[in-house]
Amino acid sequence: MKPRLIVTSNDAALQAAAGSLGITRLLSYQVVEELQRGTLKLVLEDFEEEPWPVNVVHREGKFGSSKVRAFIDCVVDRLRAHPHLQA
């Protein structure tokens, strides 16, 4: 298979696919708005992988940073609240 278009970013791939220039493989949260608008449609749904878990991992020594802890708490809260990342 020889592609007619090669891009170097997810945004470019999304714009190309939404502009009817071909198909692309992106993550669900990256395409949810276009799917809802109908500018994209899913193909090969029967071959999708199961959702992968998201983990936030960091090394915390005995002098853990409160700023790092606050950042991690914020990230976890936002990921859990994101409507398009729910399993």
PDB file of N, CA and C in Angstrom:
ATOM      1  N   MET A   1       0.849  -1.163   0.000  1.00  0.00           N
ATOM      2  CA  MET A   1       0.000   0.000   0.000  1.00  0.00           C
ATOM      3  C   MET A   1       0.899   1.231   0.000  1.00  0.00           C
ATOM      4  N   LYS A   2       0.633   2.155  -0.863  1.00  0.00           N
ATOM      5  CA  LYS A   2       1.411   3.380  -0.950  1.00  0.00           C
ATOM      6  C   LYS A   2       0.497   4.561  -0.599  1.00  0.00           C
ATOM      7  N   PRO A   3       0.783   5.247   0.517  1.00  0.00           N
ATOM      8  CA  PRO A   3      -0.085   6.365   0.906  1.00  0.00           C
ATOM      9  C   PRO A   3       0.041   7.538  -0.055  1.00  0.00           C
ATOM     10  N   ARG A   4      -1.068   8.227  -0.239  1.00  0.00           N
ATOM     11  CA  ARG A   4      -1.051   9.434  -1.063  1.00  0.00           C
ATOM     12  C   ARG A   4      -0.717  10.665  -0.240  1.00  0.00           C
ATOM     13  N   LEU A   5      -0.859  10.556   1.081  1.00  0.00           N
ATOM     14  CA  LEU A   5      -0.612  11.695   1.964  1.00  0.00           C
ATOM     15  C   LEU A   5       0.027  11.171   3.237  1.00  0.00           C
ATOM     16  N   ILE A   6       1.098  11.812   3.667  1.00  0.00           N
ATOM     17  CA  ILE A   6       1.751  11.488   4.927  1.00  0.00           C
ATOM     18  C   ILE A   6       1.782  12.761   5.756  1.00  0.00           C
ATOM     19  N   VAL A   7       1.364  12.652   7.011  1.00  0.00           N
ATOM     20  CA  VAL A   7       1.350  13.810   7.906  1.00  0.00           C
ATOM     21  C   VAL A   7       2.186  13.492   9.137  1.00  0.00           C
ATOM     22  N   THR A   8       2.539  14.528   9.875  1.00  0.00           N
ATOM     23  CA  THR A   8       3.403  14.338  11.042  1.00  0.00           C
ATOM     24  C   THR A   8       2.735  14.735  12.353  1.00  0.00           C
ATOM     25  N   SER A   9       1.432  14.960  12.327  1.00  0.00           N
ATOM     26  CA  SER A   9       0.737  15.293  13.570  1.00  0.00           C
ATOM     27  C   SER A   9      -0.668  14.705  13.548  1.00  0.00           C
ATOM     28  N   ASN A  10      -1.202  14.483  14.732  1.00  0.00           N
ATOM     29  CA  ASN A  10      -2.575  13.989  14.829  1.00  0.00           C
ATOM     30  C   ASN A  10      -3.569  15.005  14.305  1.00  0.00           C
ATOM     31  N   ASP A  11      -3.305  16.284  14.549  1.00  0.00           N
ATOM     32  CA  ASP A  11      -4.212  17.321  14.053  1.00  0.00           C
ATOM     33  C   ASP A  11      -4.294  17.300  12.534  1.00  0.00           C
ATOM     34  N   ALA A  12      -3.157  17.139  11.871  1.00  0.00           N
ATOM     35  CA  ALA A  12      -3.150  17.086  10.407  1.00  0.00           C
ATOM     36  C   ALA A  12      -3.873  15.837   9.907  1.00  0.00           C
ATOM     37  N   ALA A  13      -3.666  14.707  10.587  1.00  0.00           N
ATOM     38  CA  ALA A  13      -4.356  13.475  10.203  1.00  0.00           C
ATOM     39  C   ALA A  13      -5.865  13.638  10.357  1.00  0.00           C
ATOM     40  N   LEU A  14      -6.275  14.254  11.444  1.00  0.00           N
ATOM     41  CA  LEU A  14      -7.699  14.476  11.691  1.00  0.00           C
ATOM     42  C   LEU A  14      -8.303  15.393  10.635  1.00  0.00           C
ATOM     43  N   GLN A  15      -7.617  16.479  10.314  1.00  0.00           N
ATOM     44  CA  GLN A  15      -8.121  17.403   9.296  1.00  0.00           C
ATOM     45  C   GLN A  15      -8.201  16.734   7.927  1.00  0.00           C
ATOM     46  N   ALA A  16      -7.208  15.937   7.604  1.00  0.00           N
ATOM     47  CA  ALA A  16      -7.214  15.254   6.312  1.00  0.00           C
ATOM     48  C   ALA A  16      -8.377  14.264   6.222  1.00  0.00           C
ATOM     49  N   ALA A  17      -8.566  13.474   7.259  1.00  0.00           N
ATOM     50  CA  ALA A  17      -9.662  12.503   7.247  1.00  0.00           C
ATOM     51  C   ALA A  17     -11.016  13.206   7.223  1.00  0.00           C
ATOM     52  N   ALA A  18     -11.165  14.250   8.011  1.00  0.00           N
ATOM     53  CA  ALA A  18     -12.433  14.998   8.028  1.00  0.00           C
ATOM     54  C   ALA A  18     -12.674  15.696   6.694  1.00  0.00           C
ATOM     55  N   GLY A  19     -11.605  15.986   5.971  1.00  0.00           N
ATOM     56  CA  GLY A  19     -11.727  16.604   4.648  1.00  0.00           C
ATOM     57  C   GLY A  19     -11.848  15.596   3.523  1.00  0.00           C
ATOM     58  N   SER A  20     -12.154  14.358   3.856  1.00  0.00           N
ATOM     59  CA  SER A  20     -12.379  13.277   2.886  1.00  0.00           C
ATOM     60  C   SER A  20     -11.135  12.921   2.085  1.00  0.00           C
ATOM     61  N   LEU A  21      -9.960  13.051   2.694  1.00  0.00           N
ATOM     62  CA  LEU A  21      -8.725  12.700   2.001  1.00  0.00           C
ATOM     63  C   LEU A  21      -8.253  11.286   2.313  1.00  0.00           C
ATOM     64  N   GLY A  22      -8.992  10.569   3.144  1.00  0.00           N
ATOM     65  CA  GLY A  22      -8.609   9.203   3.448  1.00  0.00           C
ATOM     66  C   GLY A  22      -9.030   8.801   4.842  1.00  0.00           C
ATOM     67  N   ILE A  23      -8.369   7.755   5.357  1.00  0.00           N
ATOM     68  CA  ILE A  23      -8.681   7.268   6.690  1.00  0.00           C
ATOM     69  C   ILE A  23      -7.456   7.459   7.579  1.00  0.00           C
ATOM     70  N   THR A  24      -7.679   7.418   8.882  1.00  0.00           N
ATOM     71  CA  THR A  24      -6.595   7.569   9.840  1.00  0.00           C
ATOM     72  C   THR A  24      -6.915   6.753  11.078  1.00  0.00           C
ATOM     73  N   ARG A  25      -5.921   6.575  11.910  1.00  0.00           N
ATOM     74  CA  ARG A  25      -6.118   5.878  13.179  1.00  0.00           C
ATOM     75  C   ARG A  25      -5.743   6.844  14.295  1.00  0.00           C
ATOM     76  N   LEU A  26      -6.731   7.236  15.071  1.00  0.00           N
ATOM     77  CA  LEU A  26      -6.532   8.165  16.173  1.00  0.00           C
ATOM     78  C   LEU A  26      -7.243   7.632  17.412  1.00  0.00           C
ATOM     79  N   LEU A  27      -6.981   8.253  18.523  1.00  0.00           N
ATOM     80  CA  LEU A  27      -7.617   7.856  19.777  1.00  0.00           C
ATOM     81  C   LEU A  27      -9.034   8.416  19.851  1.00  0.00           C
ATOM     82  N   SER A  28      -9.896   7.737  20.580  1.00  0.00           N
ATOM     83  CA  SER A  28     -11.314   8.091  20.604  1.00  0.00           C
ATOM     84  C   SER A  28     -11.561   9.524  21.063  1.00  0.00           C
ATOM     85  N   TYR A  29     -10.839   9.978  22.086  1.00  0.00           N
ATOM     86  CA  TYR A  29     -11.084  11.335  22.566  1.00  0.00           C
ATOM     87  C   TYR A  29     -10.644  12.388  21.556  1.00  0.00           C
ATOM     88  N   GLN A  30      -9.777  12.029  20.610  1.00  0.00           N
ATOM     89  CA  GLN A  30      -9.320  12.982  19.609  1.00  0.00           C
ATOM     90  C   GLN A  30     -10.346  13.188  18.492  1.00  0.00           C
ATOM     91  N   VAL A  31     -11.244  12.240  18.304  1.00  0.00           N
ATOM     92  CA  VAL A  31     -12.183  12.315  17.188  1.00  0.00           C
ATOM     93  C   VAL A  31     -13.635  12.426  17.610  1.00  0.00           C
ATOM     94  N   VAL A  32     -13.903  12.483  18.895  1.00  0.00           N
ATOM     95  CA  VAL A  32     -15.289  12.423  19.366  1.00  0.00           C
ATOM     96  C   VAL A  32     -16.143  13.561  18.806  1.00  0.00           C
ATOM     97  N   GLU A  33     -15.604  14.756  18.726  1.00  0.00           N
ATOM     98  CA  GLU A  33     -16.397  15.886  18.211  1.00  0.00           C
ATOM     99  C   GLU A  33     -16.742  15.696  16.737  1.00  0.00           C
ATOM    100  N   GLU A  34     -15.787  15.233  15.948  1.00  0.00           N
ATOM    101  CA  GLU A  34     -16.038  15.012  14.520  1.00  0.00           C
ATOM    102  C   GLU A  34     -17.025  13.869  14.306  1.00  0.00           C
ATOM    103  N   LEU A  35     -16.955  12.851  15.151  1.00  0.00           N
ATOM    104  CA  LEU A  35     -17.928  11.766  15.061  1.00  0.00           C
ATOM    105  C   LEU A  35     -19.329  12.265  15.381  1.00  0.00           C
ATOM    106  N   GLN A  36     -19.443  13.112  16.397  1.00  0.00           N
ATOM    107  CA  GLN A  36     -20.750  13.652  16.770  1.00  0.00           C
ATOM    108  C   GLN A  36     -21.302  14.564  15.677  1.00  0.00           C
ATOM    109  N   ARG A  37     -20.430  15.316  15.013  1.00  0.00           N
ATOM    110  CA  ARG A  37     -20.858  16.215  13.926  1.00  0.00           C
ATOM    111  C   ARG A  37     -21.149  15.457  12.637  1.00  0.00           C
ATOM    112  N   GLY A  38     -20.619  14.246  12.542  1.00  0.00           N
ATOM    113  CA  GLY A  38     -20.821  13.466  11.325  1.00  0.00           C
ATOM    114  C   GLY A  38     -19.776  13.721  10.255  1.00  0.00           C
ATOM    115  N   THR A  39     -18.731  14.458  10.568  1.00  0.00           N
ATOM    116  CA  THR A  39     -17.674  14.693   9.579  1.00  0.00           C
ATOM    117  C   THR A  39     -16.724  13.502   9.481  1.00  0.00           C
ATOM    118  N   LEU A  40     -16.773  12.613  10.455  1.00  0.00           N
ATOM    119  CA  LEU A  40     -16.022  11.357  10.427  1.00  0.00           C
ATOM    120  C   LEU A  40     -16.963  10.218  10.771  1.00  0.00           C
ATOM    121  N   LYS A  41     -16.612   9.025  10.324  1.00  0.00           N
ATOM    122  CA  LYS A  41     -17.342   7.835  10.757  1.00  0.00           C
ATOM    123  C   LYS A  41     -16.321   6.753  11.051  1.00  0.00           C
ATOM    124  N   LEU A  42     -16.691   5.837  11.932  1.00  0.00           N
ATOM    125  CA  LEU A  42     -15.816   4.737  12.312  1.00  0.00           C
ATOM    126  C   LEU A  42     -15.843   3.645  11.254  1.00  0.00           C
ATOM    127  N   VAL A  43     -14.683   3.076  10.993  1.00  0.00           N
ATOM    128  CA  VAL A  43     -14.589   1.904  10.127  1.00  0.00           C
ATOM    129  C   VAL A  43     -13.835   0.831  10.906  1.00  0.00           C
ATOM    130  N   LEU A  44     -14.072  -0.393  10.589  1.00  0.00           N
ATOM    131  CA  LEU A  44     -13.414  -1.523  11.240  1.00  0.00           C
ATOM    132  C   LEU A  44     -13.634  -1.559  12.759  1.00  0.00           C
ATOM    133  N   GLU A  45     -14.824  -1.167  13.191  1.00  0.00           N
ATOM    134  CA  GLU A  45     -15.138  -1.166  14.630  1.00  0.00           C
ATOM    135  C   GLU A  45     -14.973  -2.547  15.263  1.00  0.00           C
ATOM    136  N   ASP A  46     -15.230  -3.583  14.496  1.00  0.00           N
ATOM    137  CA  ASP A  46     -15.127  -4.941  15.039  1.00  0.00           C
ATOM    138  C   ASP A  46     -13.698  -5.318  15.406  1.00  0.00           C
ATOM    139  N   PHE A  47     -12.728  -4.538  14.944  1.00  0.00           N
ATOM    140  CA  PHE A  47     -11.327  -4.846  15.194  1.00  0.00           C
ATOM    141  C   PHE A  47     -10.675  -3.899  16.201  1.00  0.00           C
ATOM    142  N   GLU A  48     -11.464  -3.083  16.869  1.00  0.00           N
ATOM    143  CA  GLU A  48     -10.920  -2.154  17.873  1.00  0.00           C
ATOM    144  C   GLU A  48     -10.386  -2.923  19.070  1.00  0.00           C
ATOM    145  N   GLU A  49      -9.312  -2.404  19.648  1.00  0.00           N
ATOM    146  CA  GLU A  49      -8.764  -2.985  20.867  1.00  0.00           C
ATOM    147  C   GLU A  49      -9.622  -2.577  22.058  1.00  0.00           C
ATOM    148  N   GLU A  50      -9.505  -3.342  23.122  1.00  0.00           N
ATOM    149  CA  GLU A  50     -10.150  -2.957  24.377  1.00  0.00           C
ATOM    150  C   GLU A  50      -9.478  -1.689  24.891  1.00  0.00           C
ATOM    151  N   PRO A  51     -10.203  -0.850  25.633  1.00  0.00           N
ATOM    152  CA  PRO A  51      -9.585   0.366  26.184  1.00  0.00           C
ATOM    153  C   PRO A  51      -8.408   0.029  27.093  1.00  0.00           C
ATOM    154  N   TRP A  52      -7.396   0.857  27.034  1.00  0.00           N
ATOM    155  CA  TRP A  52      -6.223   0.695  27.887  1.00  0.00           C
ATOM    156  C   TRP A  52      -6.388   1.557  29.125  1.00  0.00           C
ATOM    157  N   PRO A  53      -5.925   1.085  30.273  1.00  0.00           N
ATOM    158  CA  PRO A  53      -5.993   1.931  31.473  1.00  0.00           C
ATOM    159  C   PRO A  53      -4.977   3.068  31.395  1.00  0.00           C
ATOM    160  N   VAL A  54      -5.281   4.142  32.065  1.00  0.00           N
ATOM    161  CA  VAL A  54      -4.358   5.273  32.163  1.00  0.00           C
ATOM    162  C   VAL A  54      -3.813   5.280  33.580  1.00  0.00           C
ATOM    163  N   ASN A  55      -2.506   5.304  33.701  1.00  0.00           N
ATOM    164  CA  ASN A  55      -1.866   5.310  35.010  1.00  0.00           C
ATOM    165  C   ASN A  55      -0.994   6.548  35.151  1.00  0.00           C
ATOM    166  N   VAL A  56      -0.997   7.132  36.319  1.00  0.00           N
ATOM    167  CA  VAL A  56      -0.103   8.242  36.641  1.00  0.00           C
ATOM    168  C   VAL A  56       0.908   7.692  37.641  1.00  0.00           C
ATOM    169  N   VAL A  57       2.165   7.637  37.216  1.00  0.00           N
ATOM    170  CA  VAL A  57       3.212   7.040  38.036  1.00  0.00           C
ATOM    171  C   VAL A  57       4.318   8.069  38.249  1.00  0.00           C
ATOM    172  N   HIS A  58       4.777   8.167  39.463  1.00  0.00           N
ATOM    173  CA  HIS A  58       5.914   9.047  39.744  1.00  0.00           C
ATOM    174  C   HIS A  58       6.670   8.507  40.938  1.00  0.00           C
ATOM    175  N   ARG A  59       7.895   8.932  41.049  1.00  0.00           N
ATOM    176  CA  ARG A  59       8.721   8.502  42.174  1.00  0.00           C
ATOM    177  C   ARG A  59       8.676   9.589  43.236  1.00  0.00           C
ATOM    178  N   GLU A  60       8.275   9.200  44.407  1.00  0.00           N
ATOM    179  CA  GLU A  60       8.190  10.168  45.505  1.00  0.00           C
ATOM    180  C   GLU A  60       9.088   9.689  46.640  1.00  0.00           C
ATOM    181  N   GLY A  61      10.105  10.468  46.939  1.00  0.00           N
ATOM    182  CA  GLY A  61      10.999  10.141  48.038  1.00  0.00           C
ATOM    183  C   GLY A  61      10.446  10.680  49.351  1.00  0.00           C
ATOM    184  N   LYS A  62      11.287  10.664  50.347  1.00  0.00           N
ATOM    185  CA  LYS A  62      10.827  11.127  51.654  1.00  0.00           C
ATOM    186  C   LYS A  62      10.611  12.644  51.691  1.00  0.00           C
ATOM    187  N   PHE A  63      11.120  13.341  50.672  1.00  0.00           N
ATOM    188  CA  PHE A  63      10.902  14.788  50.596  1.00  0.00           C
ATOM    189  C   PHE A  63      10.005  15.106  49.408  1.00  0.00           C
ATOM    190  N   GLY A  64       8.847  14.469  49.362  1.00  0.00           N
ATOM    191  CA  GLY A  64       7.914  14.656  48.256  1.00  0.00           C
ATOM    192  C   GLY A  64       7.467  16.107  48.128  1.00  0.00           C
ATOM    193  N   SER A  65       7.290  16.521  46.887  1.00  0.00           N
ATOM    194  CA  SER A  65       6.899  17.894  46.591  1.00  0.00           C
ATOM    195  C   SER A  65       5.377  18.043  46.650  1.00  0.00           C
ATOM    196  N   SER A  66       4.934  19.035  47.357  1.00  0.00           N
ATOM    197  CA  SER A  66       3.484  19.286  47.418  1.00  0.00           C
ATOM    198  C   SER A  66       2.970  19.767  46.064  1.00  0.00           C
ATOM    199  N   LYS A  67       3.818  20.427  45.288  1.00  0.00           N
ATOM    200  CA  LYS A  67       3.398  20.875  43.954  1.00  0.00           C
ATOM    201  C   LYS A  67       3.193  19.691  43.018  1.00  0.00           C
ATOM    202  N   VAL A  68       4.093  18.717  43.100  1.00  0.00           N
ATOM    203  CA  VAL A  68       3.944  17.517  42.270  1.00  0.00           C
ATOM    204  C   VAL A  68       2.701  16.746  42.691  1.00  0.00           C
ATOM    205  N   ARG A  69       2.478  16.605  43.983  1.00  0.00           N
ATOM    206  CA  ARG A  69       1.295  15.907  44.480  1.00  0.00           C
ATOM    207  C   ARG A  69       0.022  16.620  44.027  1.00  0.00           C
ATOM    208  N   ALA A  70       0.003  17.949  44.085  1.00  0.00           N
ATOM    209  CA  ALA A  70      -1.169  18.715  43.646  1.00  0.00           C
ATOM    210  C   ALA A  70      -1.407  18.528  42.147  1.00  0.00           C
ATOM    211  N   PHE A  71      -0.313  18.512  41.374  1.00  0.00           N
ATOM    212  CA  PHE A  71      -0.437  18.296  39.929  1.00  0.00           C
ATOM    213  C   PHE A  71      -1.025  16.916  39.643  1.00  0.00           C
ATOM    214  N   ILE A  72      -0.503  15.894  40.296  1.00  0.00           N
ATOM    215  CA  ILE A  72      -0.997  14.531  40.082  1.00  0.00           C
ATOM    216  C   ILE A  72      -2.465  14.420  40.474  1.00  0.00           C
ATOM    217  N   ASP A  73      -2.837  14.999  41.602  1.00  0.00           N
ATOM    218  CA  ASP A  73      -4.241  14.975  42.017  1.00  0.00           C
ATOM    219  C   ASP A  73      -5.123  15.654  40.976  1.00  0.00           C
ATOM    220  N   CYS A  74      -4.656  16.765  40.430  1.00  0.00           N
ATOM    221  CA  CYS A  74      -5.415  17.502  39.403  1.00  0.00           C
ATOM    222  C   CYS A  74      -5.563  16.654  38.141  1.00  0.00           C
ATOM    223  N   VAL A  75      -4.473  16.037  37.695  1.00  0.00           N
ATOM    224  CA  VAL A  75      -4.516  15.200  36.496  1.00  0.00           C
ATOM    225  C   VAL A  75      -5.482  14.032  36.689  1.00  0.00           C
ATOM    226  N   VAL A  76      -5.392  13.375  37.815  1.00  0.00           N
ATOM    227  CA  VAL A  76      -6.276  12.227  38.081  1.00  0.00           C
ATOM    228  C   VAL A  76      -7.733  12.671  38.085  1.00  0.00           C
ATOM    229  N   ASP A  77      -8.035  13.769  38.749  1.00  0.00           N
ATOM    230  CA  ASP A  77      -9.416  14.270  38.788  1.00  0.00           C
ATOM    231  C   ASP A  77      -9.920  14.598  37.386  1.00  0.00           C
ATOM    232  N   ARG A  78      -9.087  15.249  36.587  1.00  0.00           N
ATOM    233  CA  ARG A  78      -9.515  15.638  35.234  1.00  0.00           C
ATOM    234  C   ARG A  78      -9.695  14.418  34.334  1.00  0.00           C
ATOM    235  N   LEU A  79      -8.795  13.443  34.450  1.00  0.00           N
ATOM    236  CA  LEU A  79      -8.949  12.233  33.642  1.00  0.00           C
ATOM    237  C   LEU A  79     -10.213  11.471  34.032  1.00  0.00           C
ATOM    238  N   ARG A  80     -10.479  11.370  35.314  1.00  0.00           N
ATOM    239  CA  ARG A  80     -11.684  10.656  35.756  1.00  0.00           C
ATOM    240  C   ARG A  80     -12.964  11.377  35.333  1.00  0.00           C
ATOM    241  N   ALA A  81     -12.913  12.696  35.236  1.00  0.00           N
ATOM    242  CA  ALA A  81     -14.099  13.476  34.896  1.00  0.00           C
ATOM    243  C   ALA A  81     -14.305  13.622  33.385  1.00  0.00           C
ATOM    244  N   HIS A  82     -13.293  13.294  32.588  1.00  0.00           N
ATOM    245  CA  HIS A  82     -13.393  13.478  31.144  1.00  0.00           C
ATOM    246  C   HIS A  82     -14.438  12.533  30.567  1.00  0.00           C
ATOM    247  N   PRO A  83     -15.477  13.065  29.920  1.00  0.00           N
ATOM    248  CA  PRO A  83     -16.590  12.215  29.476  1.00  0.00           C
ATOM    249  C   PRO A  83     -16.220  11.226  28.373  1.00  0.00           C
ATOM    250  N   HIS A  84     -15.174  11.491  27.636  1.00  0.00           N
ATOM    251  CA  HIS A  84     -14.832  10.623  26.510  1.00  0.00           C
ATOM    252  C   HIS A  84     -13.712   9.636  26.855  1.00  0.00           C
ATOM    253  N   LEU A  85     -13.302   9.611  28.102  1.00  0.00           N
ATOM    254  CA  LEU A  85     -12.298   8.648  28.540  1.00  0.00           C
ATOM    255  C   LEU A  85     -12.893   7.595  29.462  1.00  0.00           C
ATOM    256  N   GLN A  86     -14.190   7.636  29.659  1.00  0.00           N
ATOM    257  CA  GLN A  86     -14.838   6.669  30.552  1.00  0.00           C
ATOM    258  C   GLN A  86     -14.959   5.333  29.837  1.00  0.00           C
ATOM    259  N   ALA A  87     -14.697   4.288  30.584  1.00  0.00           N
ATOM    260  CA  ALA A  87     -14.815   2.936  30.007  1.00  0.00           C
ATOM    261  C   ALA A  87     -16.243   2.463  30.072  1.00  0.00           C
TER     262      ALA A  87
END
